[in-house]
Structures are given as structure tokens and as C-alpha cells.
Amino acid sequence: HRDLHSFPTRRSSDLARYAECQQIYTITEAHTEQAGTAYEEGLAADGTRTREGLLAEAEVPLRTAEVLEALALEDENLQSLSFNLAAGLRQMAEAKRAMAPFADVERTITSANDRSVAHQASVVKRDETSRNYGGVLRALEAYCDGDEFPPALASPIL
């Protein structure tokens, strides 16, 4: 993410928007760091994920979602993007929790075909929520770079 100093001269309304963008960037960057730490700390000695690790990982997006939801942003579009990010993080947490019961089984799987239907559904949900969250992050970056706000994100869609 860019710092405010990298933007050319702007109107005061633009500067306020970019300051609010920086707030969201700071929160999402901290989330990424915390998620990475939780992932590393949750690995078993053999480098595979554990049930406890996945459950601990699920707490990180929940905490970040709470922070994003508590923001009082003047820019309504940024407020909407913030709520969309929070909704996506809550779905990520749910997906990690859904995967936790399969952590031990996952260690022995050599092919996606070896997964149960419920296990495979949890993997698909995790991947889907990750893509959706990434899409909202890209929309945030585009909007903060001066692009038009995507109308489809006017209310939480995740």
C-alpha cells in the first residue's frame, strides 16, 4: 500500500479520503502480519496444520473485523468497503473453523479426491472467501488510487 506522501497534490477532500484509506491499510496490513504469525505458530512439528492452529487462526480475522467495523469513516464508500472487508474476514474465520475438524485427516491426504464431501466443501469455502476478500481489497486500492467506487460494493455483499 502507498503512503500519503506518494500521492500528487490533492484537494482537502481527497486528502481526507486518503487519510482514511491509510487507516484501513494499516489495519489490513496488521491483519496480514498477525495471520502469518498465527499460521506459523499453529503448525505441527511436521509442518502441517493442526486443529488447534486453525481455531487460533480463526480468531485473527474476527479481531480485525471488529476493528474495521468500529471505524467511523466520513467517506461513505470507504465505510462500505470497510464493512465488506469485515464481512469477508468473518467468513474467513468461519471457513477456518469449518476446516479445523479435518486437520488430522488432511495430513494423510495425497489427493483432493481423498477428501470427504464435507471436507472438500470446507476447502472450497475457504478458497472462495479468500478470493472475495481479495476482490474487496483490490476495489479498496483502486478507489484509494482515485478510481470510481464500484456500485456493486455499496452494501456488504460477502
Protein backbone atom coordinates (compact mmCIF):
# COMPACT_ATOMS: atom_id res chain seq x y z
CA HIS A 1 0.00 0.00 0.00
CA ARG A 2 1.13 3.51 -0.68
CA ASP A 3 1.91 6.22 1.82
CA LEU A 4 0.11 9.53 1.64
CA HIS A 5 3.38 11.17 0.59
CA SER A 6 3.40 9.27 -2.71
CA PHE A 7 0.24 10.98 -3.93
CA PRO A 8 0.42 14.15 -6.00
CA THR A 9 -1.08 17.38 -4.67
CA ARG A 10 -4.75 16.82 -3.88
CA ARG A 11 -7.78 18.75 -2.71
CA SER A 12 -8.50 18.62 1.01
CA SER A 13 -11.44 16.24 0.42
CA ASP A 14 -9.08 13.89 -1.42
CA LEU A 15 -6.54 14.15 1.39
CA ALA A 16 -9.22 13.22 3.93
CA ARG A 17 -10.14 10.20 1.81
CA TYR A 18 -6.54 9.11 1.53
CA ALA A 19 -6.02 9.51 5.28
CA GLU A 20 -8.97 7.20 5.82
CA CYS A 21 -7.52 4.81 3.23
CA GLN A 22 -4.30 4.74 5.24
CA GLN A 23 -6.29 3.80 8.35
CA ILE A 24 -7.77 0.80 6.56
CA TYR A 25 -4.41 -0.13 5.00
CA THR A 26 -2.78 -0.11 8.44
CA ILE A 27 -5.46 -2.41 9.81
CA THR A 28 -5.33 -4.84 6.87
CA GLU A 29 -1.53 -4.93 6.89
CA ALA A 30 -1.53 -5.68 10.63
CA HIS A 31 -4.07 -8.43 9.93
CA THR A 32 -1.79 -9.98 7.32
CA GLU A 33 1.13 -9.99 9.77
CA GLN A 34 -0.98 -11.41 12.61
CA ALA A 35 -2.47 -14.08 10.34
CA GLY A 36 1.02 -15.13 9.24
CA THR A 37 2.18 -15.37 12.83
CA ALA A 38 -0.90 -17.39 13.84
CA TYR A 39 -0.35 -19.72 10.88
CA GLU A 40 3.30 -20.33 11.79
CA GLU A 41 2.52 -20.82 15.48
CA GLY A 42 -0.29 -23.26 14.65
CA LEU A 43 1.81 -25.69 12.62
CA ALA A 44 2.65 -29.13 13.94
CA ALA A 45 6.28 -30.24 14.20
CA ASP A 46 5.97 -31.87 10.77
CA GLY A 47 4.86 -28.56 9.24
CA THR A 48 1.20 -29.50 8.80
CA ARG A 49 -1.74 -27.56 10.14
CA THR A 50 -3.38 -28.60 13.38
CA ARG A 51 -6.97 -28.35 14.59
CA GLU A 52 -5.89 -26.03 17.40
CA GLY A 53 -3.84 -23.95 14.99
CA LEU A 54 -6.77 -23.47 12.62
CA LEU A 55 -9.03 -22.47 15.51
CA ALA A 56 -6.41 -19.95 16.70
CA GLU A 57 -6.04 -18.65 13.13
CA ALA A 58 -9.81 -18.10 13.01
CA GLU A 59 -9.57 -15.61 15.87
CA VAL A 60 -7.31 -13.22 13.92
CA PRO A 61 -9.84 -12.25 11.21
CA LEU A 62 -12.56 -11.90 13.86
CA ARG A 63 -10.46 -9.37 15.79
CA THR A 64 -9.62 -7.48 12.59
CA ALA A 65 -13.29 -7.44 11.56
CA GLU A 66 -14.20 -5.85 14.88
CA VAL A 67 -11.60 -3.12 14.37
CA LEU A 68 -12.82 -2.41 10.82
CA GLU A 69 -16.46 -2.31 11.94
CA ALA A 70 -15.60 0.17 14.68
CA LEU A 71 -14.13 2.70 12.24
CA ALA A 72 -16.15 5.88 11.86
CA LEU A 73 -15.20 6.95 8.35
CA GLU A 74 -16.52 10.13 6.75
CA ASP A 75 -16.26 8.72 3.24
CA GLU A 76 -19.37 6.56 2.84
CA ASN A 77 -17.73 4.49 0.11
CA LEU A 78 -14.79 3.68 2.35
CA GLN A 79 -17.19 2.83 5.16
CA SER A 80 -18.91 0.39 2.80
CA LEU A 81 -15.58 -1.12 1.72
CA SER A 82 -14.58 -1.43 5.37
CA PHE A 83 -17.82 -3.28 6.16
CA ASN A 84 -17.26 -5.54 3.13
CA LEU A 85 -13.74 -6.33 4.33
CA ALA A 86 -15.09 -7.11 7.81
CA ALA A 87 -17.77 -9.39 6.35
CA GLY A 88 -15.12 -11.18 4.32
CA LEU A 89 -12.93 -11.63 7.38
CA ARG A 90 -15.83 -13.09 9.34
CA GLN A 91 -16.42 -15.56 6.52
CA MET A 92 -12.72 -16.45 6.53
CA ALA A 93 -12.91 -17.18 10.24
CA GLU A 94 -15.96 -19.37 9.67
CA ALA A 95 -14.15 -21.24 6.88
CA LYS A 96 -11.10 -21.87 9.09
CA ARG A 97 -13.34 -23.17 11.87
CA ALA A 98 -15.09 -25.46 9.38
CA MET A 99 -11.71 -26.86 8.30
CA ALA A 100 -10.42 -27.46 11.82
CA PRO A 101 -12.07 -30.89 12.33
CA PHE A 102 -10.31 -32.13 9.17
CA ALA A 103 -6.78 -31.04 10.13
CA ASP A 104 -5.65 -34.52 11.21
CA VAL A 105 -7.17 -36.17 8.12
CA GLU A 106 -5.57 -33.56 5.84
CA ARG A 107 -2.10 -34.79 6.85
CA THR A 108 -2.73 -38.18 5.25
CA ILE A 109 -4.42 -36.96 2.07
CA THR A 110 -2.46 -37.19 -1.15
CA SER A 111 -5.25 -36.05 -3.48
CA ALA A 112 -8.34 -33.85 -3.26
CA ASN A 113 -10.26 -36.99 -4.27
CA ASP A 114 -9.39 -38.48 -0.86
CA ARG A 115 -11.37 -35.79 0.97
CA SER A 116 -14.89 -36.38 2.26
CA VAL A 117 -17.66 -34.27 0.76
CA ALA A 118 -17.82 -32.11 3.92
CA HIS A 119 -14.04 -31.72 3.96
CA GLN A 120 -13.92 -30.74 0.30
CA ALA A 121 -16.77 -28.26 0.83
CA SER A 122 -14.78 -26.59 3.64
CA VAL A 123 -11.75 -26.24 1.35
CA VAL A 124 -13.88 -24.76 -1.45
CA LYS A 125 -15.49 -22.30 1.01
CA ARG A 126 -12.05 -21.24 2.29
CA ASP A 127 -10.82 -20.59 -1.25
CA GLU A 128 -14.00 -18.73 -2.20
CA THR A 129 -13.85 -16.44 0.84
CA SER A 130 -10.20 -15.73 0.16
CA ARG A 131 -10.97 -14.70 -3.43
CA ASN A 132 -13.89 -12.50 -2.33
CA TYR A 133 -11.79 -10.76 0.33
CA GLY A 134 -9.01 -10.22 -2.20
CA GLY A 135 -11.51 -8.68 -4.61
CA VAL A 136 -12.66 -6.19 -1.99
CA LEU A 137 -9.03 -5.34 -1.16
CA ARG A 138 -8.37 -4.65 -4.85
CA ALA A 139 -11.50 -2.46 -5.03
CA LEU A 140 -10.26 -0.57 -1.96
CA GLU A 141 -6.85 0.02 -3.53
CA ALA A 142 -8.41 1.18 -6.81
CA TYR A 143 -10.78 3.56 -5.02
CA CYS A 144 -7.98 4.92 -2.86
CA ASP A 145 -5.94 5.46 -6.02
CA GLY A 146 -8.74 7.67 -7.39
CA ASP A 147 -10.88 5.24 -9.36
CA GLU A 148 -14.66 5.40 -9.22
CA PHE A 149 -16.37 3.46 -6.46
CA PRO A 150 -17.80 0.14 -7.72
CA PRO A 151 -21.59 0.38 -7.14
CA ALA A 152 -21.78 -3.37 -6.50
CA LEU A 153 -19.95 -2.77 -3.21
CA ALA A 154 -22.34 -0.13 -1.88
CA SER A 155 -23.56 -2.59 0.74
CA PRO A 156 -21.88 -5.69 2.18
CA ILE A 157 -22.01 -8.46 -0.40
CA LEU A 158 -19.80 -11.06 1.19
